[in-house]
Amino acid sequence: MAWVILTAAGLLEIVWALALKESNGFTKLWPSVIGVSFSMLSFVLLTFALREVPVGTGYAVWVGIGAAGVVAAGIVQGEAASAARLA
């Protein structure tokens, strides 16, 4: 169950990162609210997952899911997919 929670935390990290980009430096209300709310929920789920998953492994997986997801979402939204960016 900890791995499911950790995966959910990683997916929420993707959402909050994208929402914060859309918030334009916290100048748009709803993207800001979504970004802050999902970041807190992501941290809470990460904390629960770390009860069973070693911290080094859990943190690496959480960051990896978030980083890969944000890069993929950026590419889908038309950002450049250069070799340096994907490395």
PDB file of N, CA and C in Angstrom:
ATOM      1  N   MET A   1       0.821  -1.203   0.000  1.00  0.00           N
ATOM      2  CA  MET A   1       0.000   0.000   0.000  1.00  0.00           C
ATOM      3  C   MET A   1       0.862   1.263   0.000  1.00  0.00           C
ATOM      4  N   ALA A   2       2.030   1.190   0.631  1.00  0.00           N
ATOM      5  CA  ALA A   2       2.912   2.355   0.689  1.00  0.00           C
ATOM      6  C   ALA A   2       3.353   2.792  -0.705  1.00  0.00           C
ATOM      7  N   TRP A   3       3.553   1.820  -1.596  1.00  0.00           N
ATOM      8  CA  TRP A   3       3.981   2.158  -2.954  1.00  0.00           C
ATOM      9  C   TRP A   3       2.861   2.825  -3.742  1.00  0.00           C
ATOM     10  N   VAL A   4       1.638   2.444  -3.487  1.00  0.00           N
ATOM     11  CA  VAL A   4       0.488   3.100  -4.134  1.00  0.00           C
ATOM     12  C   VAL A   4       0.397   4.548  -3.655  1.00  0.00           C
ATOM     13  N   ILE A   5       0.562   4.735  -2.355  1.00  0.00           N
ATOM     14  CA  ILE A   5       0.525   6.082  -1.782  1.00  0.00           C
ATOM     15  C   ILE A   5       1.673   6.923  -2.329  1.00  0.00           C
ATOM     16  N   LEU A   6       2.852   6.326  -2.431  1.00  0.00           N
ATOM     17  CA  LEU A   6       4.011   7.038  -2.967  1.00  0.00           C
ATOM     18  C   LEU A   6       3.789   7.433  -4.425  1.00  0.00           C
ATOM     19  N   THR A   7       3.208   6.546  -5.198  1.00  0.00           N
ATOM     20  CA  THR A   7       2.898   6.857  -6.596  1.00  0.00           C
ATOM     21  C   THR A   7       1.894   8.004  -6.682  1.00  0.00           C
ATOM     22  N   ALA A   8       0.879   7.967  -5.839  1.00  0.00           N
ATOM     23  CA  ALA A   8      -0.111   9.052  -5.816  1.00  0.00           C
ATOM     24  C   ALA A   8       0.552  10.374  -5.441  1.00  0.00           C
ATOM     25  N   ALA A   9       1.464  10.339  -4.484  1.00  0.00           N
ATOM     26  CA  ALA A   9       2.185  11.553  -4.090  1.00  0.00           C
ATOM     27  C   ALA A   9       2.990  12.106  -5.258  1.00  0.00           C
ATOM     28  N   GLY A  10       3.630  11.230  -6.018  1.00  0.00           N
ATOM     29  CA  GLY A  10       4.388  11.658  -7.191  1.00  0.00           C
ATOM     30  C   GLY A  10       3.501  12.265  -8.259  1.00  0.00           C
ATOM     31  N   LEU A  11       2.337  11.676  -8.467  1.00  0.00           N
ATOM     32  CA  LEU A  11       1.397  12.212  -9.460  1.00  0.00           C
ATOM     33  C   LEU A  11       0.864  13.578  -9.032  1.00  0.00           C
ATOM     34  N   LEU A  12       0.631  13.740  -7.733  1.00  0.00           N
ATOM     35  CA  LEU A  12       0.184  15.042  -7.241  1.00  0.00           C
ATOM     36  C   LEU A  12       1.280  16.091  -7.390  1.00  0.00           C
ATOM     37  N   GLU A  13       2.537  15.655  -7.307  1.00  0.00           N
ATOM     38  CA  GLU A  13       3.645  16.586  -7.512  1.00  0.00           C
ATOM     39  C   GLU A  13       3.611  17.167  -8.926  1.00  0.00           C
ATOM     40  N   ILE A  14       3.259  16.343  -9.883  1.00  0.00           N
ATOM     41  CA  ILE A  14       3.138  16.813 -11.268  1.00  0.00           C
ATOM     42  C   ILE A  14       2.062  17.895 -11.352  1.00  0.00           C
ATOM     43  N   VAL A  15       0.919  17.623 -10.741  1.00  0.00           N
ATOM     44  CA  VAL A  15      -0.201  18.571 -10.800  1.00  0.00           C
ATOM     45  C   VAL A  15       0.174  19.896 -10.157  1.00  0.00           C
ATOM     46  N   TRP A  16       0.800  19.849  -8.971  1.00  0.00           N
ATOM     47  CA  TRP A  16       1.091  21.122  -8.315  1.00  0.00           C
ATOM     48  C   TRP A  16       2.155  21.915  -9.058  1.00  0.00           C
ATOM     49  N   ALA A  17       3.118  21.248  -9.652  1.00  0.00           N
ATOM     50  CA  ALA A  17       4.136  21.971 -10.416  1.00  0.00           C
ATOM     51  C   ALA A  17       3.516  22.663 -11.629  1.00  0.00           C
ATOM     52  N   LEU A  18       2.646  21.959 -12.327  1.00  0.00           N
ATOM     53  CA  LEU A  18       1.982  22.554 -13.495  1.00  0.00           C
ATOM     54  C   LEU A  18       1.035  23.681 -13.086  1.00  0.00           C
ATOM     55  N   ALA A  19       0.348  23.506 -11.967  1.00  0.00           N
ATOM     56  CA  ALA A  19      -0.565  24.548 -11.489  1.00  0.00           C
ATOM     57  C   ALA A  19       0.204  25.803 -11.089  1.00  0.00           C
ATOM     58  N   LEU A  20       1.359  25.627 -10.459  1.00  0.00           N
ATOM     59  CA  LEU A  20       2.138  26.797 -10.073  1.00  0.00           C
ATOM     60  C   LEU A  20       2.658  27.548 -11.292  1.00  0.00           C
ATOM     61  N   LYS A  21       2.970  26.830 -12.353  1.00  0.00           N
ATOM     62  CA  LYS A  21       3.372  27.507 -13.596  1.00  0.00           C
ATOM     63  C   LYS A  21       2.208  28.348 -14.117  1.00  0.00           C
ATOM     64  N   GLU A  22       1.018  27.770 -14.085  1.00  0.00           N
ATOM     65  CA  GLU A  22      -0.174  28.472 -14.576  1.00  0.00           C
ATOM     66  C   GLU A  22      -0.578  29.638 -13.675  1.00  0.00           C
ATOM     67  N   SER A  23      -0.123  29.642 -12.428  1.00  0.00           N
ATOM     68  CA  SER A  23      -0.511  30.703 -11.497  1.00  0.00           C
ATOM     69  C   SER A  23       0.170  32.037 -11.798  1.00  0.00           C
ATOM     70  N   ASN A  24       1.179  32.017 -12.661  1.00  0.00           N
ATOM     71  CA  ASN A  24       1.911  33.251 -13.015  1.00  0.00           C
ATOM     72  C   ASN A  24       2.415  33.981 -11.775  1.00  0.00           C
ATOM     73  N   GLY A  25       3.178  33.280 -10.959  1.00  0.00           N
ATOM     74  CA  GLY A  25       3.720  33.905  -9.751  1.00  0.00           C
ATOM     75  C   GLY A  25       2.654  34.252  -8.732  1.00  0.00           C
ATOM     76  N   PHE A  26       1.693  33.376  -8.578  1.00  0.00           N
ATOM     77  CA  PHE A  26       0.584  33.530  -7.634  1.00  0.00           C
ATOM     78  C   PHE A  26      -0.311  34.729  -7.957  1.00  0.00           C
ATOM     79  N   THR A  27      -0.399  35.099  -9.233  1.00  0.00           N
ATOM     80  CA  THR A  27      -1.285  36.199  -9.615  1.00  0.00           C
ATOM     81  C   THR A  27      -2.660  35.708 -10.065  1.00  0.00           C
ATOM     82  N   LYS A  28      -2.806  34.405 -10.287  1.00  0.00           N
ATOM     83  CA  LYS A  28      -4.099  33.826 -10.652  1.00  0.00           C
ATOM     84  C   LYS A  28      -4.561  32.960  -9.490  1.00  0.00           C
ATOM     85  N   LEU A  29      -5.768  33.227  -9.017  1.00  0.00           N
ATOM     86  CA  LEU A  29      -6.249  32.596  -7.785  1.00  0.00           C
ATOM     87  C   LEU A  29      -6.329  31.081  -7.866  1.00  0.00           C
ATOM     88  N   TRP A  30      -7.099  30.535  -8.795  1.00  0.00           N
ATOM     89  CA  TRP A  30      -7.370  29.098  -8.773  1.00  0.00           C
ATOM     90  C   TRP A  30      -6.154  28.235  -9.069  1.00  0.00           C
ATOM     91  N   PRO A  31      -5.323  28.590 -10.034  1.00  0.00           N
ATOM     92  CA  PRO A  31      -4.103  27.789 -10.188  1.00  0.00           C
ATOM     93  C   PRO A  31      -3.217  27.855  -8.937  1.00  0.00           C
ATOM     94  N   SER A  32      -3.208  29.006  -8.257  1.00  0.00           N
ATOM     95  CA  SER A  32      -2.430  29.140  -7.024  1.00  0.00           C
ATOM     96  C   SER A  32      -2.991  28.250  -5.923  1.00  0.00           C
ATOM     97  N   VAL A  33      -4.305  28.259  -5.771  1.00  0.00           N
ATOM     98  CA  VAL A  33      -4.956  27.427  -4.750  1.00  0.00           C
ATOM     99  C   VAL A  33      -4.705  25.952  -5.030  1.00  0.00           C
ATOM    100  N   ILE A  34      -4.856  25.550  -6.284  1.00  0.00           N
ATOM    101  CA  ILE A  34      -4.622  24.152  -6.660  1.00  0.00           C
ATOM    102  C   ILE A  34      -3.167  23.778  -6.412  1.00  0.00           C
ATOM    103  N   GLY A  35      -2.248  24.640  -6.814  1.00  0.00           N
ATOM    104  CA  GLY A  35      -0.828  24.350  -6.634  1.00  0.00           C
ATOM    105  C   GLY A  35      -0.445  24.175  -5.179  1.00  0.00           C
ATOM    106  N   VAL A  36      -0.858  25.100  -4.338  1.00  0.00           N
ATOM    107  CA  VAL A  36      -0.517  25.017  -2.917  1.00  0.00           C
ATOM    108  C   VAL A  36      -1.211  23.822  -2.265  1.00  0.00           C
ATOM    109  N   SER A  37      -2.476  23.607  -2.572  1.00  0.00           N
ATOM    110  CA  SER A  37      -3.222  22.491  -1.975  1.00  0.00           C
ATOM    111  C   SER A  37      -2.631  21.140  -2.364  1.00  0.00           C
ATOM    112  N   PHE A  38      -2.334  20.983  -3.652  1.00  0.00           N
ATOM    113  CA  PHE A  38      -1.793  19.707  -4.104  1.00  0.00           C
ATOM    114  C   PHE A  38      -0.373  19.488  -3.601  1.00  0.00           C
ATOM    115  N   SER A  39       0.394  20.565  -3.422  1.00  0.00           N
ATOM    116  CA  SER A  39       1.742  20.384  -2.879  1.00  0.00           C
ATOM    117  C   SER A  39       1.664  19.890  -1.442  1.00  0.00           C
ATOM    118  N   MET A  40       0.759  20.447  -0.657  1.00  0.00           N
ATOM    119  CA  MET A  40       0.608  19.983   0.725  1.00  0.00           C
ATOM    120  C   MET A  40       0.132  18.536   0.767  1.00  0.00           C
ATOM    121  N   LEU A  41      -0.833  18.197  -0.071  1.00  0.00           N
ATOM    122  CA  LEU A  41      -1.334  16.826  -0.104  1.00  0.00           C
ATOM    123  C   LEU A  41      -0.245  15.861  -0.557  1.00  0.00           C
ATOM    124  N   SER A  42       0.565  16.281  -1.511  1.00  0.00           N
ATOM    125  CA  SER A  42       1.669  15.444  -1.980  1.00  0.00           C
ATOM    126  C   SER A  42       2.655  15.170  -0.848  1.00  0.00           C
ATOM    127  N   PHE A  43       2.996  16.205  -0.080  1.00  0.00           N
ATOM    128  CA  PHE A  43       3.912  16.029   1.049  1.00  0.00           C
ATOM    129  C   PHE A  43       3.317  15.119   2.117  1.00  0.00           C
ATOM    130  N   VAL A  44       2.028  15.266   2.380  1.00  0.00           N
ATOM    131  CA  VAL A  44       1.369  14.408   3.374  1.00  0.00           C
ATOM    132  C   VAL A  44       1.417  12.950   2.930  1.00  0.00           C
ATOM    133  N   LEU A  45       1.085  12.691   1.673  1.00  0.00           N
ATOM    134  CA  LEU A  45       1.131  11.314   1.172  1.00  0.00           C
ATOM    135  C   LEU A  45       2.552  10.769   1.188  1.00  0.00           C
ATOM    136  N   LEU A  46       3.532  11.600   0.830  1.00  0.00           N
ATOM    137  CA  LEU A  46       4.926  11.166   0.901  1.00  0.00           C
ATOM    138  C   LEU A  46       5.284  10.774   2.329  1.00  0.00           C
ATOM    139  N   THR A  47       4.858  11.552   3.279  1.00  0.00           N
ATOM    140  CA  THR A  47       5.140  11.258   4.687  1.00  0.00           C
ATOM    141  C   THR A  47       4.546   9.918   5.097  1.00  0.00           C
ATOM    142  N   PHE A  48       3.319   9.649   4.693  1.00  0.00           N
ATOM    143  CA  PHE A  48       2.703   8.356   5.004  1.00  0.00           C
ATOM    144  C   PHE A  48       3.457   7.209   4.343  1.00  0.00           C
ATOM    145  N   ALA A  49       3.852   7.386   3.093  1.00  0.00           N
ATOM    146  CA  ALA A  49       4.579   6.331   2.380  1.00  0.00           C
ATOM    147  C   ALA A  49       5.918   6.042   3.039  1.00  0.00           C
ATOM    148  N   LEU A  50       6.557   7.073   3.584  1.00  0.00           N
ATOM    149  CA  LEU A  50       7.877   6.887   4.189  1.00  0.00           C
ATOM    150  C   LEU A  50       7.828   6.139   5.515  1.00  0.00           C
ATOM    151  N   ARG A  51       6.653   5.830   5.993  1.00  0.00           N
ATOM    152  CA  ARG A  51       6.546   4.959   7.169  1.00  0.00           C
ATOM    153  C   ARG A  51       7.030   3.554   6.850  1.00  0.00           C
ATOM    154  N   GLU A  52       6.871   3.129   5.592  1.00  0.00           N
ATOM    155  CA  GLU A  52       7.243   1.769   5.191  1.00  0.00           C
ATOM    156  C   GLU A  52       8.367   1.718   4.168  1.00  0.00           C
ATOM    157  N   VAL A  53       8.509   2.751   3.369  1.00  0.00           N
ATOM    158  CA  VAL A  53       9.529   2.776   2.317  1.00  0.00           C
ATOM    159  C   VAL A  53      10.743   3.525   2.864  1.00  0.00           C
ATOM    160  N   PRO A  54      11.964   3.018   2.639  1.00  0.00           N
ATOM    161  CA  PRO A  54      13.149   3.746   3.095  1.00  0.00           C
ATOM    162  C   PRO A  54      13.185   5.164   2.512  1.00  0.00           C
ATOM    163  N   VAL A  55      13.640   6.118   3.304  1.00  0.00           N
ATOM    164  CA  VAL A  55      13.566   7.522   2.904  1.00  0.00           C
ATOM    165  C   VAL A  55      14.329   7.806   1.611  1.00  0.00           C
ATOM    166  N   GLY A  56      15.486   7.241   1.433  1.00  0.00           N
ATOM    167  CA  GLY A  56      16.251   7.486   0.210  1.00  0.00           C
ATOM    168  C   GLY A  56      15.532   6.985  -1.020  1.00  0.00           C
ATOM    169  N   THR A  57      14.995   5.793  -0.926  1.00  0.00           N
ATOM    170  CA  THR A  57      14.255   5.201  -2.036  1.00  0.00           C
ATOM    171  C   THR A  57      12.961   5.965  -2.292  1.00  0.00           C
ATOM    172  N   GLY A  58      12.225   6.243  -1.237  1.00  0.00           N
ATOM    173  CA  GLY A  58      10.945   6.934  -1.376  1.00  0.00           C
ATOM    174  C   GLY A  58      11.091   8.320  -1.971  1.00  0.00           C
ATOM    175  N   TYR A  59      12.068   9.059  -1.476  1.00  0.00           N
ATOM    176  CA  TYR A  59      12.272  10.412  -1.989  1.00  0.00           C
ATOM    177  C   TYR A  59      12.700  10.385  -3.450  1.00  0.00           C
ATOM    178  N   ALA A  60      13.592   9.460  -3.794  1.00  0.00           N
ATOM    179  CA  ALA A  60      14.049   9.352  -5.184  1.00  0.00           C
ATOM    180  C   ALA A  60      12.898   9.005  -6.126  1.00  0.00           C
ATOM    181  N   VAL A  61      12.042   8.090  -5.710  1.00  0.00           N
ATOM    182  CA  VAL A  61      10.894   7.707  -6.542  1.00  0.00           C
ATOM    183  C   VAL A  61       9.928   8.879  -6.677  1.00  0.00           C
ATOM    184  N   TRP A  62       9.650   9.555  -5.577  1.00  0.00           N
ATOM    185  CA  TRP A  62       8.732  10.697  -5.572  1.00  0.00           C
ATOM    186  C   TRP A  62       9.223  11.795  -6.511  1.00  0.00           C
ATOM    187  N   VAL A  63      10.494  12.166  -6.375  1.00  0.00           N
ATOM    188  CA  VAL A  63      11.067  13.203  -7.233  1.00  0.00           C
ATOM    189  C   VAL A  63      11.113  12.732  -8.686  1.00  0.00           C
ATOM    190  N   GLY A  64      11.453  11.464  -8.894  1.00  0.00           N
ATOM    191  CA  GLY A  64      11.529  10.928 -10.254  1.00  0.00           C
ATOM    192  C   GLY A  64      10.198  10.958 -10.971  1.00  0.00           C
ATOM    193  N   ILE A  65       9.142  10.544 -10.275  1.00  0.00           N
ATOM    194  CA  ILE A  65       7.804  10.593 -10.876  1.00  0.00           C
ATOM    195  C   ILE A  65       7.450  12.036 -11.224  1.00  0.00           C
ATOM    196  N   GLY A  66       7.692  12.940 -10.289  1.00  0.00           N
ATOM    197  CA  GLY A  66       7.368  14.341 -10.525  1.00  0.00           C
ATOM    198  C   GLY A  66       8.163  14.944 -11.666  1.00  0.00           C
ATOM    199  N   ALA A  67       9.467  14.704 -11.677  1.00  0.00           N
ATOM    200  CA  ALA A  67      10.320  15.284 -12.720  1.00  0.00           C
ATOM    201  C   ALA A  67       9.963  14.739 -14.094  1.00  0.00           C
ATOM    202  N   ALA A  68       9.832  13.433 -14.196  1.00  0.00           N
ATOM    203  CA  ALA A  68       9.495  12.823 -15.489  1.00  0.00           C
ATOM    204  C   ALA A  68       8.114  13.282 -15.961  1.00  0.00           C
ATOM    205  N   GLY A  69       7.175  13.365 -15.040  1.00  0.00           N
ATOM    206  CA  GLY A  69       5.824  13.788 -15.405  1.00  0.00           C
ATOM    207  C   GLY A  69       5.756  15.229 -15.860  1.00  0.00           C
ATOM    208  N   VAL A  70       6.485  16.105 -15.185  1.00  0.00           N
ATOM    209  CA  VAL A  70       6.473  17.517 -15.569  1.00  0.00           C
ATOM    210  C   VAL A  70       7.160  17.707 -16.919  1.00  0.00           C
ATOM    211  N   VAL A  71       8.251  16.992 -17.156  1.00  0.00           N
ATOM    212  CA  VAL A  71       8.911  17.070 -18.466  1.00  0.00           C
ATOM    213  C   VAL A  71       7.967  16.574 -19.559  1.00  0.00           C
ATOM    214  N   ALA A  72       7.318  15.440 -19.325  1.00  0.00           N
ATOM    215  CA  ALA A  72       6.387  14.892 -20.320  1.00  0.00           C
ATOM    216  C   ALA A  72       5.231  15.854 -20.576  1.00  0.00           C
ATOM    217  N   ALA A  73       4.683  16.428 -19.512  1.00  0.00           N
ATOM    218  CA  ALA A  73       3.580  17.378 -19.678  1.00  0.00           C
ATOM    219  C   ALA A  73       4.041  18.614 -20.442  1.00  0.00           C
ATOM    220  N   GLY A  74       5.250  19.060 -20.173  1.00  0.00           N
ATOM    221  CA  GLY A  74       5.789  20.205 -20.900  1.00  0.00           C
ATOM    222  C   GLY A  74       5.930  19.924 -22.382  1.00  0.00           C
ATOM    223  N   ILE A  75       6.397  18.731 -22.712  1.00  0.00           N
ATOM    224  CA  ILE A  75       6.537  18.358 -24.120  1.00  0.00           C
ATOM    225  C   ILE A  75       5.171  18.311 -24.791  1.00  0.00           C
ATOM    226  N   VAL A  76       4.184  17.742 -24.098  1.00  0.00           N
ATOM    227  CA  VAL A  76       2.821  17.683 -24.637  1.00  0.00           C
ATOM    228  C   VAL A  76       2.274  19.098 -24.862  1.00  0.00           C
ATOM    229  N   GLN A  77       2.655  20.033 -23.994  1.00  0.00           N
ATOM    230  CA  GLN A  77       2.183  21.414 -24.114  1.00  0.00           C
ATOM    231  C   GLN A  77       3.007  22.237 -25.099  1.00  0.00           C
ATOM    232  N   GLY A  78       3.966  21.599 -25.770  1.00  0.00           N
ATOM    233  CA  GLY A  78       4.698  22.283 -26.827  1.00  0.00           C
ATOM    234  C   GLY A  78       6.074  22.801 -26.461  1.00  0.00           C
ATOM    235  N   GLU A  79       6.568  22.497 -25.261  1.00  0.00           N
ATOM    236  CA  GLU A  79       7.919  22.915 -24.905  1.00  0.00           C
ATOM    237  C   GLU A  79       8.928  22.076 -25.684  1.00  0.00           C
ATOM    238  N   ALA A  80      10.098  22.635 -25.909  1.00  0.00           N
ATOM    239  CA  ALA A  80      11.133  21.950 -26.687  1.00  0.00           C
ATOM    240  C   ALA A  80      11.584  20.672 -25.987  1.00  0.00           C
ATOM    241  N   ALA A  81      11.831  19.641 -26.777  1.00  0.00           N
ATOM    242  CA  ALA A  81      12.292  18.354 -26.246  1.00  0.00           C
ATOM    243  C   ALA A  81      13.721  18.108 -26.709  1.00  0.00           C
ATOM    244  N   SER A  82      14.648  18.961 -26.280  1.00  0.00           N
ATOM    245  CA  SER A  82      16.043  18.829 -26.693  1.00  0.00           C
ATOM    246  C   SER A  82      16.711  17.672 -25.950  1.00  0.00           C
ATOM    247  N   ALA A  83      17.820  17.214 -26.504  1.00  0.00           N
ATOM    248  CA  ALA A  83      18.566  16.117 -25.877  1.00  0.00           C
ATOM    249  C   ALA A  83      19.060  16.522 -24.494  1.00  0.00           C
ATOM    250  N   ALA A  84      19.504  17.760 -24.341  1.00  0.00           N
ATOM    251  CA  ALA A  84      19.990  18.231 -23.041  1.00  0.00           C
ATOM    252  C   ALA A  84      18.870  18.245 -22.005  1.00  0.00           C
ATOM    253  N   ARG A  85      17.700  18.610 -22.416  1.00  0.00           N
ATOM    254  CA  ARG A  85      16.572  18.665 -21.484  1.00  0.00           C
ATOM    255  C   ARG A  85      16.125  17.268 -21.062  1.00  0.00           C
ATOM    256  N   LEU A  86      16.213  16.326 -21.955  1.00  0.00           N
ATOM    257  CA  LEU A  86      15.762  14.968 -21.661  1.00  0.00           C
ATOM    258  C   LEU A  86      16.826  14.130 -20.963  1.00  0.00           C
ATOM    259  N   ALA A  87      18.052  14.632 -20.876  1.00  0.00           N
ATOM    260  CA  ALA A  87      19.148  13.870 -20.255  1.00  0.00           C
ATOM    261  C   ALA A  87      19.050  13.873 -18.754  1.00  0.00           C
TER     262      ALA A  87
END
